[in-house]
Amino acid sequence: MPEQLWTLWWVWIVFGFVLGILEVLVPGFIFLGFAIGAVITGAVAGLGITHSLPLLVLIFAVASVVAWLVLRRVVGVRSNQEKVWHHDINDGP
């Protein structure tokens, strides 16, 4: 029964939204790539391209990694993003 549940498209979409909400609660782009991967997997399952659980898991893994790499490239750490402190809070005026 659990294998049949994960082949339903709406389960993947709900899983993606749950991961998206979890991303809001735990910032840092940890779950956002997985959320995008789950929604893409739900779309693939919804289009009826495949209902095989191993193939859906493979699609989820590949889509999550690609989404994470794209997010990292677009909004990730920049080389000139370090903060330089010129004054310490303990220094007097």
Protein backbone atom coordinates (compact mmCIF):
# COMPACT_ATOMS: atom_id res chain seq x y z
CA MET A 1 0.00 0.00 0.00
CA PRO A 2 2.70 2.62 0.76
CA GLU A 3 4.30 2.04 -2.64
CA GLN A 4 0.99 2.79 -4.36
CA LEU A 5 0.57 5.99 -2.34
CA TRP A 6 3.86 7.46 -3.59
CA THR A 7 2.88 6.88 -7.20
CA LEU A 8 -0.03 9.33 -6.88
CA TRP A 9 0.71 12.77 -8.31
CA TRP A 10 -1.02 14.76 -5.58
CA VAL A 11 1.08 13.11 -2.87
CA TRP A 12 4.23 14.50 -4.50
CA ILE A 13 2.68 17.96 -4.82
CA VAL A 14 1.62 17.98 -1.15
CA PHE A 15 5.08 16.72 -0.17
CA GLY A 16 6.60 19.61 -2.15
CA PHE A 17 4.40 22.16 -0.40
CA VAL A 18 5.23 20.69 3.01
CA LEU A 19 8.94 20.98 2.19
CA GLY A 20 8.34 24.55 1.02
CA ILE A 21 6.69 25.43 4.32
CA LEU A 22 9.57 23.75 6.14
CA GLU A 23 11.97 25.94 4.14
CA VAL A 24 10.22 29.03 5.45
CA LEU A 25 10.65 27.78 9.01
CA VAL A 26 14.28 26.69 8.51
CA PRO A 27 15.93 29.30 6.28
CA GLY A 28 19.04 28.70 4.25
CA PHE A 29 17.84 27.04 1.04
CA ILE A 30 18.05 23.58 2.59
CA PHE A 31 14.61 22.24 1.64
CA LEU A 32 13.74 24.48 -1.31
CA GLY A 33 15.52 22.31 -3.89
CA PHE A 34 13.77 19.23 -2.55
CA ALA A 35 10.42 21.06 -2.65
CA ILE A 36 10.93 22.00 -6.29
CA GLY A 37 12.00 18.44 -7.09
CA ALA A 38 8.88 17.04 -5.43
CA VAL A 39 6.58 19.39 -7.36
CA ILE A 40 8.31 18.48 -10.64
CA THR A 41 7.94 14.79 -9.79
CA GLY A 42 4.25 15.35 -9.05
CA ALA A 43 3.85 17.03 -12.42
CA VAL A 44 5.55 14.10 -14.16
CA ALA A 45 3.33 11.61 -12.32
CA GLY A 46 0.27 13.75 -13.05
CA LEU A 47 1.00 13.77 -16.76
CA GLY A 48 1.02 9.98 -16.65
CA ILE A 49 4.55 9.65 -17.98
CA THR A 50 5.41 7.05 -15.35
CA HIS A 51 3.90 5.39 -12.29
CA SER A 52 6.96 3.35 -11.39
CA LEU A 53 8.15 4.21 -7.87
CA PRO A 54 11.88 3.70 -8.59
CA LEU A 55 11.66 5.95 -11.64
CA LEU A 56 9.72 8.59 -9.70
CA VAL A 57 12.38 8.54 -6.97
CA LEU A 58 15.08 8.94 -9.63
CA ILE A 59 13.20 11.88 -11.17
CA PHE A 60 12.83 13.41 -7.70
CA ALA A 61 16.56 13.04 -6.99
CA VAL A 62 17.69 14.46 -10.32
CA ALA A 63 15.17 17.33 -10.25
CA SER A 64 16.13 18.19 -6.66
CA VAL A 65 19.85 18.32 -7.43
CA VAL A 66 19.29 20.40 -10.56
CA ALA A 67 16.97 22.77 -8.67
CA TRP A 68 19.49 23.08 -5.84
CA LEU A 69 22.33 23.84 -8.28
CA VAL A 70 20.25 26.47 -10.08
CA LEU A 71 19.22 28.06 -6.78
CA ARG A 72 22.82 28.03 -5.61
CA ARG A 73 23.90 29.72 -8.83
CA VAL A 74 21.14 32.34 -8.76
CA VAL A 75 20.89 33.23 -5.07
CA GLY A 76 23.84 31.40 -3.58
CA VAL A 77 26.96 32.61 -1.87
CA ARG A 78 28.84 35.24 -3.82
CA SER A 79 32.61 35.58 -3.59
CA ASN A 80 32.39 39.22 -2.46
CA GLN A 81 29.66 38.62 0.10
CA GLU A 82 31.79 38.60 3.23
CA LYS A 83 31.06 41.18 5.89
CA VAL A 84 33.89 43.44 7.00
CA TRP A 85 33.44 45.05 10.38
CA HIS A 86 35.07 48.45 10.74
CA HIS A 87 33.83 49.14 14.26
CA ASP A 88 33.22 46.87 17.17
CA ILE A 89 30.21 47.33 19.40
CA ASN A 90 32.52 47.54 22.42
CA ASP A 91 34.55 50.38 20.94
CA GLY A 92 33.66 53.76 22.32
CA PRO A 93 32.34 56.61 20.22
